[in-house]
Protein backbone atom coordinates (compact mmCIF):
# COMPACT_ATOMS: atom_id res chain seq x y z
CA MET A 1 -21.61 67.51 -172.87
CA SER A 2 -18.13 67.95 -171.39
CA LYS A 3 -15.01 68.18 -173.56
CA ILE A 4 -12.42 65.64 -172.45
CA TYR A 5 -8.66 66.23 -172.26
CA ASP A 6 -5.73 64.48 -170.66
CA VAL A 7 -4.33 67.82 -169.46
CA VAL A 8 -6.00 71.22 -169.10
CA ILE A 9 -3.82 74.23 -168.43
CA ALA A 10 -5.60 77.23 -166.94
CA GLY A 11 -3.91 80.39 -168.18
CA GLY A 12 -2.86 81.44 -171.67
CA GLY A 13 0.27 83.35 -170.76
CA ALA A 14 3.93 82.45 -171.13
CA ALA A 15 3.83 79.95 -168.24
CA GLY A 16 0.79 78.18 -169.66
CA PHE A 17 2.26 77.88 -173.13
CA PHE A 18 5.68 76.82 -171.84
CA THR A 19 4.04 74.15 -169.68
CA ALA A 20 1.78 72.90 -172.47
CA ILE A 21 4.64 72.67 -174.96
CA ASN A 22 6.91 70.80 -172.56
CA ILE A 23 4.14 68.35 -171.60
CA GLY A 24 3.22 67.86 -175.26
CA GLU A 25 6.79 67.23 -176.34
CA ALA A 26 7.39 64.75 -173.50
CA ASN A 27 4.03 62.99 -174.07
CA PRO A 28 2.93 63.49 -177.69
CA LYS A 29 -0.15 61.27 -177.37
CA LEU A 30 -1.78 63.42 -174.68
CA LYS A 31 -4.73 65.60 -175.59
CA ILE A 32 -3.91 69.05 -174.14
CA ALA A 33 -5.88 72.30 -173.91
CA ILE A 34 -4.98 75.78 -172.72
CA LEU A 35 -7.93 77.71 -171.27
CA GLU A 36 -7.62 81.50 -171.39
CA ARG A 37 -10.11 83.84 -169.76
CA GLY A 38 -9.49 86.72 -172.18
CA LYS A 39 -10.07 86.98 -175.89
CA ASP A 40 -6.35 86.79 -176.67
CA VAL A 41 -3.43 84.76 -175.32
CA LEU A 42 0.09 85.90 -174.44
CA GLN A 43 -0.90 89.53 -173.83
CA LYS A 44 1.73 90.15 -171.13
CA VAL A 45 4.39 88.69 -173.43
CA ARG A 46 3.34 91.21 -176.08
CA VAL A 47 4.03 94.21 -173.81
CA SER A 48 6.94 92.76 -171.80
CA GLY A 49 10.17 94.71 -172.07
CA GLY A 50 8.50 97.57 -173.91
CA GLY A 51 7.27 95.24 -176.64
CA ARG A 52 10.63 93.48 -177.00
CA CYS A 53 9.96 90.69 -174.42
CA ASN A 54 12.56 90.46 -171.69
CA VAL A 55 12.99 86.67 -171.79
CA THR A 56 15.56 86.09 -169.03
CA HIS A 57 18.70 87.51 -167.46
CA ALA A 58 22.28 86.60 -168.43
CA CYS A 59 23.12 85.23 -165.03
CA PHE A 60 23.82 81.53 -164.89
CA VAL A 61 24.19 80.91 -161.16
CA PRO A 62 20.79 80.27 -159.52
CA ASP A 63 21.70 81.91 -156.20
CA GLU A 64 22.73 85.05 -158.09
CA LEU A 65 19.86 84.96 -160.59
CA VAL A 66 17.20 85.05 -157.84
CA LYS A 67 18.51 88.47 -156.76
CA PHE A 68 17.07 89.93 -159.97
CA TYR A 69 13.59 88.86 -158.76
CA PRO A 70 13.25 90.48 -155.32
CA ARG A 71 9.54 89.63 -154.97
CA GLY A 72 10.18 85.94 -155.59
CA GLU A 73 13.77 85.40 -154.53
CA LYS A 74 13.02 82.68 -151.97
CA GLU A 75 10.38 80.91 -154.09
CA LEU A 76 12.49 80.90 -157.27
CA ARG A 77 15.69 79.45 -155.79
CA GLY A 78 14.47 75.84 -156.17
CA PRO A 79 13.10 76.18 -159.71
CA PHE A 80 16.22 78.04 -160.88
CA ASN A 81 18.34 75.16 -159.63
CA ARG A 82 16.37 72.87 -161.96
CA PHE A 83 15.92 75.20 -164.96
CA CYS A 84 18.10 78.31 -165.20
CA SER A 85 18.96 80.96 -167.80
CA GLY A 86 21.15 78.64 -169.86
CA ASP A 87 18.25 76.19 -170.12
CA THR A 88 15.95 79.01 -171.25
CA ILE A 89 18.40 80.10 -173.94
CA GLU A 90 18.74 76.49 -175.16
CA TRP A 91 14.94 75.99 -175.11
CA PHE A 92 14.35 78.97 -177.40
CA GLU A 93 17.35 78.28 -179.66
CA LYS A 94 16.05 74.72 -180.19
CA ARG A 95 12.92 76.37 -181.58
CA GLY A 96 14.78 78.83 -183.82
CA VAL A 97 14.69 81.89 -181.54
CA GLY A 98 18.05 83.51 -180.90
CA LEU A 99 18.47 85.67 -177.80
CA LYS A 100 20.88 88.56 -177.21
CA ILE A 101 22.31 90.06 -174.04
CA GLU A 102 21.91 93.78 -173.29
CA GLU A 103 24.58 95.70 -171.36
CA ASP A 104 22.54 95.40 -168.15
CA GLY A 105 22.25 91.61 -168.53
CA ARG A 106 18.64 91.46 -169.72
CA MET A 107 18.05 89.08 -172.61
CA PHE A 108 15.73 89.75 -175.54
CA PRO A 109 15.05 88.03 -178.85
CA VAL A 110 17.56 89.18 -181.49
CA THR A 111 14.59 90.60 -183.42
CA ASP A 112 13.80 93.01 -180.53
CA SER A 113 10.16 91.99 -180.96
CA SER A 114 7.91 90.17 -178.51
CA GLN A 115 6.05 88.84 -181.56
CA THR A 116 9.00 86.49 -182.11
CA ILE A 117 8.31 84.82 -178.75
CA ILE A 118 4.56 84.75 -179.37
CA ASP A 119 5.09 83.17 -182.79
CA CYS A 120 7.44 80.57 -181.25
CA PHE A 121 4.81 79.56 -178.68
CA LEU A 122 1.97 79.49 -181.23
CA LYS A 123 3.98 77.49 -183.77
CA ALA A 124 4.92 74.89 -181.14
CA THR A 125 1.37 74.49 -179.83
CA THR A 126 0.03 74.14 -183.37
CA LYS A 127 2.68 71.53 -184.23
CA LEU A 128 1.75 69.56 -181.09
CA GLY A 129 -2.01 69.83 -181.65
CA ILE A 130 -2.60 71.71 -178.39
CA ASN A 131 -6.01 73.37 -178.29
CA ILE A 132 -6.02 77.05 -177.34
CA LEU A 133 -9.45 78.02 -176.04
CA THR A 134 -10.10 81.70 -175.34
CA GLY A 135 -13.03 83.32 -173.56
CA GLN A 136 -12.98 80.50 -170.98
CA SER A 137 -13.34 82.08 -167.54
CA ILE A 138 -13.22 79.28 -164.97
CA GLN A 139 -16.28 79.35 -162.74
CA GLY A 140 -15.73 76.12 -160.83
CA LEU A 141 -13.22 73.34 -160.26
CA TYR A 142 -14.18 69.94 -158.90
CA LYS A 143 -11.82 67.06 -158.16
CA SER A 144 -12.96 63.46 -158.14
CA GLU A 145 -10.76 60.41 -157.57
CA SER A 146 -10.12 60.01 -161.29
CA HIS A 147 -10.33 63.44 -162.90
CA TRP A 148 -10.96 67.18 -162.69
CA LYS A 149 -14.20 68.83 -163.77
CA ILE A 150 -13.65 72.37 -164.96
CA ASP A 151 -16.64 74.62 -165.57
CA THR A 152 -16.32 77.85 -167.50
CA GLN A 153 -19.07 80.34 -168.24
CA ASN A 154 -19.92 78.55 -171.49
CA GLU A 155 -18.25 75.09 -171.50
CA ASN A 156 -17.51 72.12 -169.27
CA TYR A 157 -14.25 70.19 -169.39
CA ILE A 158 -13.01 66.93 -167.93
CA ALA A 159 -9.25 66.39 -167.49
CA GLN A 160 -7.03 63.79 -165.89
CA SER A 161 -4.61 66.57 -164.88
CA LEU A 162 -5.04 70.29 -164.26
CA VAL A 163 -2.20 72.82 -164.23
CA MET A 164 -2.86 76.32 -162.89
CA THR A 165 -0.74 79.03 -164.55
CA THR A 166 -3.03 81.97 -163.86
CA GLY A 167 -0.60 84.03 -161.82
CA SER A 168 -2.56 86.12 -159.35
CA ASN A 169 -5.47 86.59 -161.71
CA ILE A 170 -7.98 83.88 -160.82
CA LYS A 171 -11.47 84.73 -159.62
CA MET A 172 -13.94 82.03 -158.70
């Protein structure tokens, strides 16, 4: 029997958690799940910035900020005009995570620990009742007029909406 959700997010990294939290806060009645292929979530967050988690860059002009991301400069210009570094700082501060600026402009949690960011994401998803399901490698996606059918190696899911936050790491 398929498990039914309003929203399924494929990918248990920073983008998946950030997306799930924002959807959950905007629509608290939705039933949301994050599907992660691995046995743990947020693994790249854990090692980012040498274990300190480089959250953003202290540059507040979108056309300047994109220059710090040479592989995605063109693609990031639009999103940075909608949600930039100042928004990121505010998002984390609203959740009790202070950020500091290094001399080179990189921004890290004041604790210098990526665990602070991981704990922030996990606390928010718990508070919102978002299900985090690990070991869920997607094997097939099927779209009907009314919903998505998502098959993993050991479960089947039905969702009204599907958000892909897998980066470049999807194999089907």
